[in-house]
Amino acid sequence: MEINKYAGKRIKTLREKHNLTQQQLADKLNINQQSLARYELDQRTIKVDFLLKLCQLFNVELNYFVPNNVIPIELDEEVTKIPVLGYIPAGIPFEAIEDVIKYIDIPKEWLYGNQEYFGLLIDGNSMFPKYQNGDIVIFQKCEDPIKCNNKDCAVMVNGNDATFKKFFFNNNGVILQPYNSEYEIKSYLPNEVEELPIKVLGYAVQIRRDL
């Protein structure tokens, strides 16, 4: 499986980066060395809960382990439902729609540490090719601009206009950058960030895409 192969290589890369043997990492994960070896060689299905343990151990994001953020959810795991709140533009901002469109499943393990999540439906192509029109993107709630810096974020502009862009924050203000070069980059000075205001809502952790 392509995703398993990708994740397996990433697991091995992290292990070697931290100078851990397979046995040492297996001990930290409470599995045997043979199981870890099979994960790294793409010989065993990798589930989301196992990747979450690796995220906590190595302090990396979940999308580190999968190509293009597309993560298969194993529905035999314990799951909980989160709302898809409405459409969010991936082009020019417009007034956010907060009506719940549907509910989707995420693993309960994601909620450890009192984390919260929401889904939004992408409408537009300014974040193409990484994100496509019609994708449901799952966001981890986060209003801290430092934690959200250099991540793909849902952002409120003018208090009620929502947009989805790569978010950059520093002493010079905020930059909202599309992936599609046909769209312009938006920059806001510190006083504009305060006065408009510009408020980050959360950062993308997963795409749900119909094939």
N, C-alpha and C. Protein backbone atom coordinates (compact mmCIF):
# COMPACT_ATOMS: atom_id res chain seq x y z
N MET A 1 0.85 -1.20 0.00
CA MET A 1 0.00 0.00 0.00
C MET A 1 0.88 1.24 0.00
N GLU A 2 0.63 2.22 -0.90
CA GLU A 2 1.49 3.37 -1.06
C GLU A 2 1.63 4.18 0.22
N ILE A 3 0.51 4.43 0.92
CA ILE A 3 0.56 5.23 2.14
C ILE A 3 1.37 4.52 3.21
N ASN A 4 1.19 3.20 3.33
CA ASN A 4 1.98 2.44 4.31
C ASN A 4 3.47 2.55 3.99
N LYS A 5 3.80 2.45 2.71
CA LYS A 5 5.20 2.51 2.30
C LYS A 5 5.80 3.86 2.65
N TYR A 6 5.05 4.90 2.39
CA TYR A 6 5.50 6.26 2.70
C TYR A 6 5.70 6.42 4.21
N ALA A 7 4.69 5.99 4.99
CA ALA A 7 4.77 6.12 6.44
C ALA A 7 5.90 5.27 7.01
N GLY A 8 6.08 4.07 6.45
CA GLY A 8 7.15 3.19 6.92
C GLY A 8 8.51 3.83 6.76
N LYS A 9 8.74 4.47 5.63
CA LYS A 9 10.01 5.16 5.40
C LYS A 9 10.20 6.31 6.38
N ARG A 10 9.11 7.02 6.66
CA ARG A 10 9.19 8.14 7.60
C ARG A 10 9.50 7.66 9.02
N ILE A 11 8.91 6.53 9.40
CA ILE A 11 9.19 5.97 10.72
C ILE A 11 10.67 5.64 10.84
N LYS A 12 11.20 4.99 9.82
CA LYS A 12 12.62 4.64 9.83
C LYS A 12 13.50 5.88 9.87
N THR A 13 13.13 6.90 9.11
CA THR A 13 13.90 8.15 9.10
C THR A 13 13.94 8.79 10.47
N LEU A 14 12.79 8.86 11.14
CA LEU A 14 12.74 9.44 12.48
C LEU A 14 13.55 8.62 13.47
N ARG A 15 13.41 7.31 13.38
CA ARG A 15 14.16 6.43 14.30
C ARG A 15 15.66 6.65 14.16
N GLU A 16 16.14 6.69 12.92
CA GLU A 16 17.58 6.86 12.69
C GLU A 16 18.04 8.26 13.07
N LYS A 17 17.18 9.25 12.84
CA LYS A 17 17.51 10.63 13.20
C LYS A 17 17.74 10.76 14.70
N HIS A 18 16.98 9.98 15.48
CA HIS A 18 17.11 10.03 16.94
C HIS A 18 18.02 8.94 17.48
N ASN A 19 18.77 8.31 16.57
CA ASN A 19 19.78 7.31 16.96
C ASN A 19 19.19 6.18 17.80
N LEU A 20 18.02 5.70 17.37
CA LEU A 20 17.36 4.61 18.07
C LEU A 20 17.44 3.33 17.24
N THR A 21 17.68 2.22 17.89
CA THR A 21 17.57 0.93 17.22
C THR A 21 16.09 0.56 17.11
N GLN A 22 15.80 -0.43 16.29
CA GLN A 22 14.41 -0.88 16.22
C GLN A 22 13.92 -1.37 17.57
N GLN A 23 14.77 -2.05 18.30
CA GLN A 23 14.38 -2.57 19.61
C GLN A 23 14.09 -1.43 20.58
N GLN A 24 14.92 -0.39 20.56
CA GLN A 24 14.72 0.74 21.47
C GLN A 24 13.40 1.47 21.17
N LEU A 25 13.13 1.70 19.89
CA LEU A 25 11.88 2.37 19.55
C LEU A 25 10.68 1.48 19.84
N ALA A 26 10.81 0.20 19.55
CA ALA A 26 9.73 -0.74 19.84
C ALA A 26 9.39 -0.73 21.33
N ASP A 27 10.40 -0.66 22.17
CA ASP A 27 10.17 -0.62 23.62
C ASP A 27 9.39 0.63 24.02
N LYS A 28 9.72 1.76 23.40
CA LYS A 28 9.02 3.00 23.71
C LYS A 28 7.56 2.96 23.28
N LEU A 29 7.27 2.16 22.25
CA LEU A 29 5.93 2.07 21.70
C LEU A 29 5.14 0.87 22.25
N ASN A 30 5.80 0.11 23.13
CA ASN A 30 5.19 -1.08 23.72
C ASN A 30 4.76 -2.11 22.68
N ILE A 31 5.62 -2.28 21.66
CA ILE A 31 5.42 -3.34 20.67
C ILE A 31 6.71 -4.12 20.57
N ASN A 32 6.68 -5.25 19.85
CA ASN A 32 7.92 -6.01 19.70
C ASN A 32 8.70 -5.51 18.49
N GLN A 33 9.97 -5.87 18.46
CA GLN A 33 10.86 -5.39 17.40
C GLN A 33 10.43 -5.89 16.03
N GLN A 34 9.91 -7.11 15.96
CA GLN A 34 9.47 -7.67 14.68
C GLN A 34 8.32 -6.86 14.08
N SER A 35 7.40 -6.42 14.94
CA SER A 35 6.28 -5.62 14.45
C SER A 35 6.77 -4.29 13.87
N LEU A 36 7.71 -3.65 14.57
CA LEU A 36 8.24 -2.39 14.07
C LEU A 36 8.95 -2.59 12.74
N ALA A 37 9.71 -3.67 12.62
CA ALA A 37 10.40 -3.96 11.37
C ALA A 37 9.41 -4.12 10.23
N ARG A 38 8.28 -4.75 10.49
CA ARG A 38 7.25 -4.95 9.46
C ARG A 38 6.62 -3.62 9.07
N TYR A 39 6.42 -2.70 10.03
CA TYR A 39 5.91 -1.38 9.71
C TYR A 39 6.87 -0.66 8.75
N GLU A 40 8.15 -0.70 9.08
CA GLU A 40 9.14 0.01 8.28
C GLU A 40 9.27 -0.58 6.88
N LEU A 41 8.99 -1.85 6.72
CA LEU A 41 9.13 -2.53 5.43
C LEU A 41 7.82 -2.61 4.65
N ASP A 42 6.78 -1.92 5.14
CA ASP A 42 5.47 -1.94 4.48
C ASP A 42 4.90 -3.36 4.41
N GLN A 43 5.05 -4.09 5.49
CA GLN A 43 4.52 -5.45 5.55
C GLN A 43 3.39 -5.58 6.56
N ARG A 44 2.95 -4.45 7.11
CA ARG A 44 1.87 -4.47 8.09
C ARG A 44 1.09 -3.17 7.97
N THR A 45 -0.24 -3.25 8.02
CA THR A 45 -1.08 -2.07 7.90
C THR A 45 -0.85 -1.12 9.07
N ILE A 46 -0.61 0.14 8.75
CA ILE A 46 -0.37 1.15 9.77
C ILE A 46 -1.66 1.89 10.04
N LYS A 47 -2.11 1.88 11.28
CA LYS A 47 -3.35 2.55 11.66
C LYS A 47 -3.06 3.92 12.28
N VAL A 48 -4.10 4.75 12.31
CA VAL A 48 -3.94 6.12 12.77
C VAL A 48 -3.50 6.19 14.23
N ASP A 49 -4.03 5.31 15.08
CA ASP A 49 -3.67 5.39 16.50
C ASP A 49 -2.19 5.13 16.70
N PHE A 50 -1.58 4.26 15.87
CA PHE A 50 -0.14 4.01 15.97
C PHE A 50 0.64 5.25 15.54
N LEU A 51 0.20 5.90 14.47
CA LEU A 51 0.87 7.12 14.02
C LEU A 51 0.77 8.22 15.07
N LEU A 52 -0.36 8.28 15.77
CA LEU A 52 -0.52 9.30 16.82
C LEU A 52 0.48 9.10 17.95
N LYS A 53 0.76 7.84 18.28
CA LYS A 53 1.78 7.57 19.30
C LYS A 53 3.14 8.08 18.85
N LEU A 54 3.45 7.89 17.57
CA LEU A 54 4.71 8.38 17.03
C LEU A 54 4.76 9.90 17.03
N CYS A 55 3.61 10.53 16.73
CA CYS A 55 3.55 11.99 16.76
C CYS A 55 3.89 12.53 18.14
N GLN A 56 3.31 11.91 19.16
CA GLN A 56 3.57 12.35 20.53
C GLN A 56 5.02 12.09 20.93
N LEU A 57 5.55 10.97 20.50
CA LEU A 57 6.91 10.60 20.87
C LEU A 57 7.94 11.52 20.24
N PHE A 58 7.75 11.83 18.95
CA PHE A 58 8.74 12.60 18.22
C PHE A 58 8.35 14.07 18.01
N ASN A 59 7.18 14.46 18.53
CA ASN A 59 6.72 15.84 18.42
C ASN A 59 6.64 16.30 16.97
N VAL A 60 5.94 15.53 16.16
CA VAL A 60 5.71 15.88 14.76
C VAL A 60 4.21 15.88 14.49
N GLU A 61 3.81 16.50 13.38
CA GLU A 61 2.41 16.53 12.98
C GLU A 61 2.03 15.21 12.31
N LEU A 62 0.75 14.90 12.35
CA LEU A 62 0.26 13.66 11.76
C LEU A 62 0.54 13.59 10.26
N ASN A 63 0.47 14.74 9.58
CA ASN A 63 0.67 14.71 8.13
C ASN A 63 2.12 14.47 7.74
N TYR A 64 3.03 14.40 8.70
CA TYR A 64 4.41 14.04 8.41
C TYR A 64 4.50 12.63 7.84
N PHE A 65 3.56 11.77 8.22
CA PHE A 65 3.66 10.35 7.89
C PHE A 65 2.91 9.95 6.62
N VAL A 66 2.20 10.89 5.98
CA VAL A 66 1.41 10.50 4.81
C VAL A 66 1.59 11.50 3.69
N PRO A 67 1.50 11.07 2.43
CA PRO A 67 1.62 11.99 1.31
C PRO A 67 0.38 12.84 1.15
N ASN A 68 0.58 14.16 0.96
CA ASN A 68 -0.52 15.08 0.66
C ASN A 68 -1.59 15.13 1.74
N ASN A 69 -1.21 14.80 2.98
CA ASN A 69 -2.17 14.88 4.10
C ASN A 69 -3.30 13.87 4.03
N VAL A 70 -3.33 12.99 3.03
CA VAL A 70 -4.48 12.10 2.86
C VAL A 70 -4.28 10.88 3.74
N ILE A 71 -5.09 10.76 4.80
CA ILE A 71 -4.91 9.71 5.79
C ILE A 71 -6.11 8.77 5.78
N PRO A 72 -5.89 7.49 5.54
CA PRO A 72 -7.02 6.56 5.58
C PRO A 72 -7.45 6.28 7.02
N ILE A 73 -8.72 6.39 7.28
CA ILE A 73 -9.23 6.13 8.62
C ILE A 73 -9.75 4.70 8.69
N GLU A 74 -9.24 3.94 9.63
CA GLU A 74 -9.71 2.58 9.84
C GLU A 74 -10.96 2.65 10.73
N LEU A 75 -12.10 2.34 10.17
CA LEU A 75 -13.35 2.54 10.89
C LEU A 75 -13.59 1.52 11.99
N ASP A 76 -12.70 0.51 12.12
CA ASP A 76 -12.87 -0.42 13.21
C ASP A 76 -12.24 0.11 14.49
N GLU A 77 -11.61 1.30 14.42
CA GLU A 77 -11.08 1.93 15.62
C GLU A 77 -12.21 2.63 16.36
N GLU A 78 -11.94 3.00 17.61
CA GLU A 78 -12.89 3.84 18.33
C GLU A 78 -12.91 5.19 17.67
N VAL A 79 -14.09 5.68 17.31
CA VAL A 79 -14.19 6.96 16.63
C VAL A 79 -15.18 7.87 17.35
N THR A 80 -15.07 9.15 17.05
CA THR A 80 -16.03 10.13 17.50
C THR A 80 -16.36 11.01 16.30
N LYS A 81 -17.43 11.74 16.38
CA LYS A 81 -17.86 12.55 15.25
C LYS A 81 -17.58 14.03 15.51
N ILE A 82 -17.17 14.72 14.45
CA ILE A 82 -16.99 16.17 14.52
C ILE A 82 -17.82 16.80 13.41
N PRO A 83 -18.22 18.06 13.58
CA PRO A 83 -19.04 18.71 12.55
C PRO A 83 -18.20 19.27 11.41
N VAL A 84 -18.74 19.15 10.20
CA VAL A 84 -18.24 19.95 9.09
C VAL A 84 -19.10 21.21 9.10
N LEU A 85 -18.49 22.33 9.46
CA LEU A 85 -19.25 23.52 9.80
C LEU A 85 -19.82 24.27 8.62
N GLY A 86 -19.19 24.12 7.46
CA GLY A 86 -19.69 24.86 6.31
C GLY A 86 -18.58 25.06 5.30
N TYR A 87 -18.81 25.92 4.36
CA TYR A 87 -17.84 26.17 3.31
C TYR A 87 -16.81 27.20 3.78
N ILE A 88 -15.58 26.99 3.36
CA ILE A 88 -14.56 28.01 3.57
C ILE A 88 -13.91 28.26 2.22
N PRO A 89 -13.77 29.51 1.81
CA PRO A 89 -13.21 29.78 0.49
C PRO A 89 -11.73 29.49 0.44
N ALA A 90 -11.27 29.01 -0.70
CA ALA A 90 -9.84 28.87 -0.93
C ALA A 90 -9.45 29.83 -2.03
N GLY A 91 -10.14 30.97 -2.09
CA GLY A 91 -9.86 32.02 -3.04
C GLY A 91 -10.03 33.34 -2.33
N ILE A 92 -10.94 34.16 -2.80
CA ILE A 92 -11.19 35.44 -2.17
C ILE A 92 -12.11 35.23 -0.97
N PRO A 93 -11.79 35.81 0.22
CA PRO A 93 -12.63 35.60 1.41
C PRO A 93 -14.06 36.04 1.20
N PHE A 94 -14.99 35.32 1.79
CA PHE A 94 -16.37 35.75 1.84
C PHE A 94 -16.92 35.36 3.19
N GLU A 95 -18.12 35.85 3.51
CA GLU A 95 -18.68 35.63 4.84
C GLU A 95 -18.80 34.14 5.14
N ALA A 96 -18.25 33.74 6.27
CA ALA A 96 -18.21 32.33 6.65
C ALA A 96 -19.62 31.81 6.94
N ILE A 97 -19.88 30.59 6.48
CA ILE A 97 -21.14 29.92 6.77
C ILE A 97 -20.90 28.92 7.89
N GLU A 98 -21.62 29.03 8.97
CA GLU A 98 -21.36 28.20 10.14
C GLU A 98 -22.37 27.08 10.31
N ASP A 99 -23.29 26.91 9.38
CA ASP A 99 -24.25 25.81 9.48
C ASP A 99 -23.52 24.48 9.35
N VAL A 100 -23.96 23.51 10.13
CA VAL A 100 -23.36 22.18 10.05
C VAL A 100 -23.88 21.47 8.80
N ILE A 101 -22.97 21.06 7.92
CA ILE A 101 -23.34 20.35 6.70
C ILE A 101 -23.52 18.86 6.98
N LYS A 102 -22.59 18.30 7.75
CA LYS A 102 -22.59 16.87 8.05
C LYS A 102 -21.66 16.63 9.22
N TYR A 103 -21.61 15.38 9.66
CA TYR A 103 -20.66 14.97 10.68
C TYR A 103 -19.76 13.88 10.11
N ILE A 104 -18.49 13.93 10.49
CA ILE A 104 -17.54 12.93 10.02
C ILE A 104 -16.81 12.33 11.21
N ASP A 105 -16.27 11.13 11.00
CA ASP A 105 -15.59 10.40 12.08
C ASP A 105 -14.11 10.76 12.14
N ILE A 106 -13.61 10.86 13.37
CA ILE A 106 -12.17 10.91 13.62
C ILE A 106 -11.88 9.97 14.78
N PRO A 107 -10.65 9.47 14.89
CA PRO A 107 -10.31 8.59 16.02
C PRO A 107 -10.41 9.33 17.35
N LYS A 108 -10.92 8.65 18.36
CA LYS A 108 -11.02 9.27 19.69
C LYS A 108 -9.66 9.65 20.25
N GLU A 109 -8.61 8.93 19.81
CA GLU A 109 -7.28 9.23 20.31
C GLU A 109 -6.86 10.65 19.99
N TRP A 110 -7.43 11.23 18.95
CA TRP A 110 -7.08 12.60 18.60
C TRP A 110 -7.46 13.59 19.69
N LEU A 111 -8.42 13.22 20.52
CA LEU A 111 -8.93 14.14 21.53
C LEU A 111 -8.09 14.16 22.79
N TYR A 112 -7.08 13.29 22.86
CA TYR A 112 -6.21 13.28 24.04
C TYR A 112 -5.58 14.66 24.21
N GLY A 113 -5.50 15.10 25.47
CA GLY A 113 -4.95 16.42 25.74
C GLY A 113 -5.95 17.54 25.50
N ASN A 114 -7.26 17.18 25.46
CA ASN A 114 -8.34 18.14 25.27
C ASN A 114 -8.25 18.88 23.94
N GLN A 115 -7.71 18.21 22.92
CA GLN A 115 -7.67 18.82 21.60
C GLN A 115 -9.07 18.83 20.99
N GLU A 116 -9.35 19.84 20.18
CA GLU A 116 -10.64 19.96 19.50
C GLU A 116 -10.41 20.08 17.99
N TYR A 117 -11.39 19.58 17.22
CA TYR A 117 -11.26 19.56 15.77
C TYR A 117 -12.57 19.99 15.13
N PHE A 118 -12.46 20.49 13.91
CA PHE A 118 -13.64 20.79 13.10
C PHE A 118 -13.28 20.58 11.64
N GLY A 119 -14.31 20.34 10.84
CA GLY A 119 -14.09 20.16 9.42
C GLY A 119 -14.69 21.32 8.64
N LEU A 120 -14.08 21.65 7.52
CA LEU A 120 -14.60 22.67 6.62
C LEU A 120 -14.50 22.18 5.19
N LEU A 121 -15.47 22.55 4.38
CA LEU A 121 -15.50 22.15 2.98
C LEU A 121 -14.86 23.23 2.12
N ILE A 122 -13.85 22.85 1.33
CA ILE A 122 -13.11 23.81 0.51
C ILE A 122 -13.92 24.21 -0.72
N ASP A 123 -14.00 25.51 -0.94
CA ASP A 123 -14.71 26.05 -2.09
C ASP A 123 -13.77 27.02 -2.81
N GLY A 124 -13.14 26.57 -3.89
CA GLY A 124 -12.19 27.41 -4.60
C GLY A 124 -10.91 26.64 -4.90
N ASN A 125 -9.97 27.31 -5.59
CA ASN A 125 -8.75 26.61 -6.00
C ASN A 125 -7.47 27.37 -5.69
N SER A 126 -7.52 28.31 -4.75
CA SER A 126 -6.30 29.06 -4.45
C SER A 126 -5.27 28.21 -3.72
N MET A 127 -5.71 27.07 -3.14
CA MET A 127 -4.76 26.20 -2.44
C MET A 127 -4.41 24.96 -3.26
N PHE A 128 -4.80 24.97 -4.54
CA PHE A 128 -4.44 23.90 -5.46
C PHE A 128 -2.95 24.00 -5.78
N PRO A 129 -2.21 22.90 -5.93
CA PRO A 129 -2.70 21.53 -6.06
C PRO A 129 -2.75 20.73 -4.75
N LYS A 130 -2.25 21.29 -3.65
CA LYS A 130 -2.23 20.52 -2.41
C LYS A 130 -3.65 20.22 -1.94
N TYR A 131 -4.54 21.20 -2.09
CA TYR A 131 -5.94 21.03 -1.71
C TYR A 131 -6.80 21.30 -2.93
N GLN A 132 -7.88 20.55 -3.05
CA GLN A 132 -8.73 20.67 -4.23
C GLN A 132 -10.14 21.12 -3.84
N ASN A 133 -10.80 21.76 -4.79
CA ASN A 133 -12.19 22.17 -4.58
C ASN A 133 -13.04 20.94 -4.21
N GLY A 134 -13.80 21.04 -3.14
CA GLY A 134 -14.63 19.93 -2.70
C GLY A 134 -14.00 19.08 -1.61
N ASP A 135 -12.71 19.29 -1.31
CA ASP A 135 -12.09 18.57 -0.20
C ASP A 135 -12.74 18.97 1.12
N ILE A 136 -12.85 18.02 2.03
CA ILE A 136 -13.14 18.34 3.42
C ILE A 136 -11.80 18.33 4.16
N VAL A 137 -11.47 19.46 4.76
CA VAL A 137 -10.22 19.57 5.50
C VAL A 137 -10.53 19.59 6.99
N ILE A 138 -9.83 18.75 7.74
CA ILE A 138 -10.00 18.70 9.18
C ILE A 138 -8.93 19.59 9.82
N PHE A 139 -9.38 20.45 10.72
CA PHE A 139 -8.50 21.40 11.40
C PHE A 139 -8.44 21.09 12.89
N GLN A 140 -7.26 21.23 13.45
CA GLN A 140 -7.14 21.23 14.91
C GLN A 140 -7.32 22.67 15.37
N LYS A 141 -8.24 22.87 16.31
CA LYS A 141 -8.49 24.22 16.78
C LYS A 141 -7.24 24.80 17.43
N CYS A 142 -6.90 26.02 17.06
CA CYS A 142 -5.74 26.69 17.62
C CYS A 142 -5.85 28.17 17.30
N GLU A 143 -5.83 29.01 18.32
CA GLU A 143 -5.90 30.45 18.12
C GLU A 143 -4.57 31.13 18.40
N ASP A 144 -3.52 30.34 18.64
CA ASP A 144 -2.19 30.87 18.94
C ASP A 144 -1.44 31.07 17.62
N PRO A 145 -1.17 32.30 17.20
CA PRO A 145 -0.50 32.53 15.92
C PRO A 145 0.91 31.96 15.88
N ILE A 146 1.56 31.84 17.03
CA ILE A 146 2.92 31.28 17.05
C ILE A 146 2.87 29.79 16.74
N LYS A 147 1.93 29.08 17.36
CA LYS A 147 1.80 27.65 17.10
C LYS A 147 1.32 27.38 15.67
N CYS A 148 0.56 28.31 15.11
CA CYS A 148 0.02 28.13 13.76
C CYS A 148 0.95 28.66 12.67
N ASN A 149 2.05 29.28 13.06
CA ASN A 149 2.96 29.87 12.08
C ASN A 149 3.48 28.81 11.11
N ASN A 150 3.49 29.17 9.82
CA ASN A 150 4.01 28.31 8.75
C ASN A 150 3.17 27.05 8.55
N LYS A 151 1.86 27.14 8.87
CA LYS A 151 0.96 26.02 8.66
C LYS A 151 -0.22 26.47 7.81
N ASP A 152 -0.92 25.49 7.25
CA ASP A 152 -2.11 25.77 6.45
C ASP A 152 -3.28 25.99 7.40
N CYS A 153 -3.81 27.20 7.41
CA CYS A 153 -4.75 27.58 8.47
C CYS A 153 -6.06 28.15 7.95
N ALA A 154 -7.11 27.93 8.76
CA ALA A 154 -8.36 28.65 8.60
C ALA A 154 -8.22 29.95 9.37
N VAL A 155 -8.52 31.05 8.71
CA VAL A 155 -8.28 32.38 9.28
C VAL A 155 -9.53 33.24 9.11
N MET A 156 -9.86 34.00 10.15
CA MET A 156 -10.95 34.96 10.07
C MET A 156 -10.37 36.35 9.80
N VAL A 157 -10.96 37.05 8.82
CA VAL A 157 -10.55 38.40 8.46
C VAL A 157 -11.76 39.31 8.62
N ASN A 158 -11.55 40.47 9.22
CA ASN A 158 -12.64 41.43 9.44
C ASN A 158 -13.71 40.89 10.39
N GLY A 159 -13.36 39.90 11.17
CA GLY A 159 -14.30 39.40 12.18
C GLY A 159 -15.27 38.35 11.70
N ASN A 160 -15.61 38.33 10.38
CA ASN A 160 -16.60 37.35 9.93
C ASN A 160 -16.32 36.79 8.53
N ASP A 161 -15.17 37.10 7.95
CA ASP A 161 -14.80 36.56 6.65
C ASP A 161 -13.75 35.48 6.84
N ALA A 162 -14.04 34.29 6.33
CA ALA A 162 -13.13 33.16 6.53
C ALA A 162 -12.36 32.87 5.25
N THR A 163 -11.12 32.48 5.40
CA THR A 163 -10.33 32.06 4.26
C THR A 163 -9.37 30.96 4.70
N PHE A 164 -8.81 30.25 3.73
CA PHE A 164 -7.89 29.15 3.99
C PHE A 164 -6.60 29.42 3.24
N LYS A 165 -5.51 29.64 3.98
CA LYS A 165 -4.23 29.99 3.38
C LYS A 165 -3.08 29.47 4.25
N LYS A 166 -1.89 29.45 3.68
CA LYS A 166 -0.70 29.20 4.48
C LYS A 166 -0.45 30.45 5.30
N PHE A 167 -0.27 30.27 6.61
CA PHE A 167 -0.27 31.37 7.57
C PHE A 167 1.16 31.63 8.07
N PHE A 168 1.59 32.87 7.95
CA PHE A 168 2.91 33.27 8.46
C PHE A 168 2.72 34.42 9.44
N PHE A 169 3.38 34.30 10.58
CA PHE A 169 3.25 35.31 11.63
C PHE A 169 4.64 35.68 12.15
N ASN A 170 4.90 37.00 12.23
CA ASN A 170 6.15 37.47 12.84
C ASN A 170 5.94 38.90 13.33
N ASN A 171 7.01 39.57 13.72
CA ASN A 171 6.90 40.92 14.26
C ASN A 171 6.42 41.94 13.24
N ASN A 172 6.50 41.58 11.96
CA ASN A 172 6.07 42.49 10.90
C ASN A 172 4.60 42.32 10.54
N GLY A 173 3.94 41.38 11.18
CA GLY A 173 2.52 41.18 10.93
C GLY A 173 2.18 39.78 10.47
N VAL A 174 1.20 39.66 9.58
CA VAL A 174 0.69 38.38 9.11
C VAL A 174 0.72 38.35 7.59
N ILE A 175 1.09 37.19 7.04
CA ILE A 175 1.03 36.95 5.61
C ILE A 175 0.13 35.74 5.37
N LEU A 176 -0.81 35.87 4.43
CA LEU A 176 -1.67 34.77 4.03
C LEU A 176 -1.31 34.41 2.59
N GLN A 177 -0.74 33.23 2.42
CA GLN A 177 -0.19 32.85 1.12
C GLN A 177 -0.94 31.68 0.49
N PRO A 178 -1.45 31.83 -0.74
CA PRO A 178 -2.06 30.70 -1.45
C PRO A 178 -0.98 29.81 -2.06
N TYR A 179 -1.32 28.56 -2.37
CA TYR A 179 -0.40 27.70 -3.10
C TYR A 179 -0.50 27.95 -4.60
N ASN A 180 -1.66 28.37 -5.06
CA ASN A 180 -1.88 28.65 -6.47
C ASN A 180 -1.32 30.03 -6.81
N SER A 181 -0.34 30.08 -7.71
CA SER A 181 0.33 31.34 -8.03
C SER A 181 -0.58 32.34 -8.75
N GLU A 182 -1.76 31.90 -9.17
CA GLU A 182 -2.69 32.81 -9.83
C GLU A 182 -3.37 33.76 -8.83
N TYR A 183 -3.22 33.47 -7.56
CA TYR A 183 -3.83 34.30 -6.52
C TYR A 183 -2.74 35.09 -5.81
N GLU A 184 -3.10 36.29 -5.36
CA GLU A 184 -2.11 37.15 -4.73
C GLU A 184 -1.93 36.83 -3.25
N ILE A 185 -0.74 37.13 -2.77
CA ILE A 185 -0.42 36.99 -1.36
C ILE A 185 -0.95 38.22 -0.62
N LYS A 186 -1.58 38.00 0.52
CA LYS A 186 -2.11 39.10 1.33
C LYS A 186 -1.20 39.33 2.54
N SER A 187 -0.83 40.59 2.76
CA SER A 187 0.01 40.95 3.90
C SER A 187 -0.72 41.96 4.79
N TYR A 188 -0.56 41.80 6.10
CA TYR A 188 -1.22 42.68 7.06
C TYR A 188 -0.20 43.15 8.09
N LEU A 189 -0.13 44.45 8.30
CA LEU A 189 0.76 45.02 9.31
C LEU A 189 0.21 44.74 10.71
N PRO A 190 1.05 44.83 11.73
CA PRO A 190 0.59 44.54 13.11
C PRO A 190 -0.67 45.31 13.51
N ASN A 191 -0.74 46.59 13.12
CA ASN A 191 -1.93 47.37 13.49
C ASN A 191 -3.18 46.87 12.77
N GLU A 192 -3.03 46.37 11.52
CA GLU A 192 -4.16 45.81 10.79
C GLU A 192 -4.61 44.50 11.41
N VAL A 193 -3.63 43.71 11.87
CA VAL A 193 -3.97 42.45 12.52
C VAL A 193 -4.84 42.70 13.74
N GLU A 194 -4.54 43.77 14.46
CA GLU A 194 -5.31 44.10 15.66
C GLU A 194 -6.64 44.75 15.33
N GLU A 195 -6.66 45.64 14.34
CA GLU A 195 -7.84 46.46 14.08
C GLU A 195 -8.90 45.75 13.23
N LEU A 196 -8.47 44.89 12.29
CA LEU A 196 -9.47 44.28 11.39
C LEU A 196 -10.47 43.39 12.11
N PRO A 197 -10.16 42.42 12.94
CA PRO A 197 -8.84 41.86 13.19
C PRO A 197 -8.57 40.66 12.28
N ILE A 198 -7.34 40.13 12.35
CA ILE A 198 -6.98 38.87 11.72
C ILE A 198 -6.85 37.84 12.83
N LYS A 199 -7.64 36.76 12.75
CA LYS A 199 -7.64 35.77 13.83
C LYS A 199 -7.54 34.37 13.25
N VAL A 200 -6.54 33.63 13.66
CA VAL A 200 -6.38 32.26 13.19
C VAL A 200 -7.31 31.35 14.00
N LEU A 201 -7.94 30.38 13.32
CA LEU A 201 -8.91 29.49 13.96
C LEU A 201 -8.36 28.09 14.20
N GLY A 202 -7.45 27.66 13.35
CA GLY A 202 -6.91 26.31 13.48
C GLY A 202 -6.07 25.97 12.27
N TYR A 203 -5.33 24.86 12.38
CA TYR A 203 -4.46 24.45 11.27
C TYR A 203 -4.86 23.06 10.76
N ALA A 204 -4.64 22.87 9.47
CA ALA A 204 -5.06 21.64 8.80
C ALA A 204 -4.23 20.45 9.25
N VAL A 205 -4.93 19.33 9.53
CA VAL A 205 -4.23 18.10 9.92
C VAL A 205 -4.56 16.94 8.98
N GLN A 206 -5.63 17.08 8.20
CA GLN A 206 -6.00 15.96 7.33
C GLN A 206 -6.96 16.43 6.25
N ILE A 207 -6.86 15.74 5.09
CA ILE A 207 -7.81 15.94 3.99
C ILE A 207 -8.68 14.71 3.88
N ARG A 208 -9.97 14.91 3.68
CA ARG A 208 -10.88 13.83 3.26
C ARG A 208 -11.29 14.12 1.83
N ARG A 209 -10.96 13.24 0.94
CA ARG A 209 -11.18 13.49 -0.48
C ARG A 209 -11.84 12.29 -1.13
N ASP A 210 -12.90 12.54 -1.90
CA ASP A 210 -13.54 11.48 -2.67
C ASP A 210 -12.72 11.22 -3.92
N LEU A 211 -12.41 9.95 -4.16
CA LEU A 211 -11.62 9.58 -5.33
C LEU A 211 -12.53 9.31 -6.52
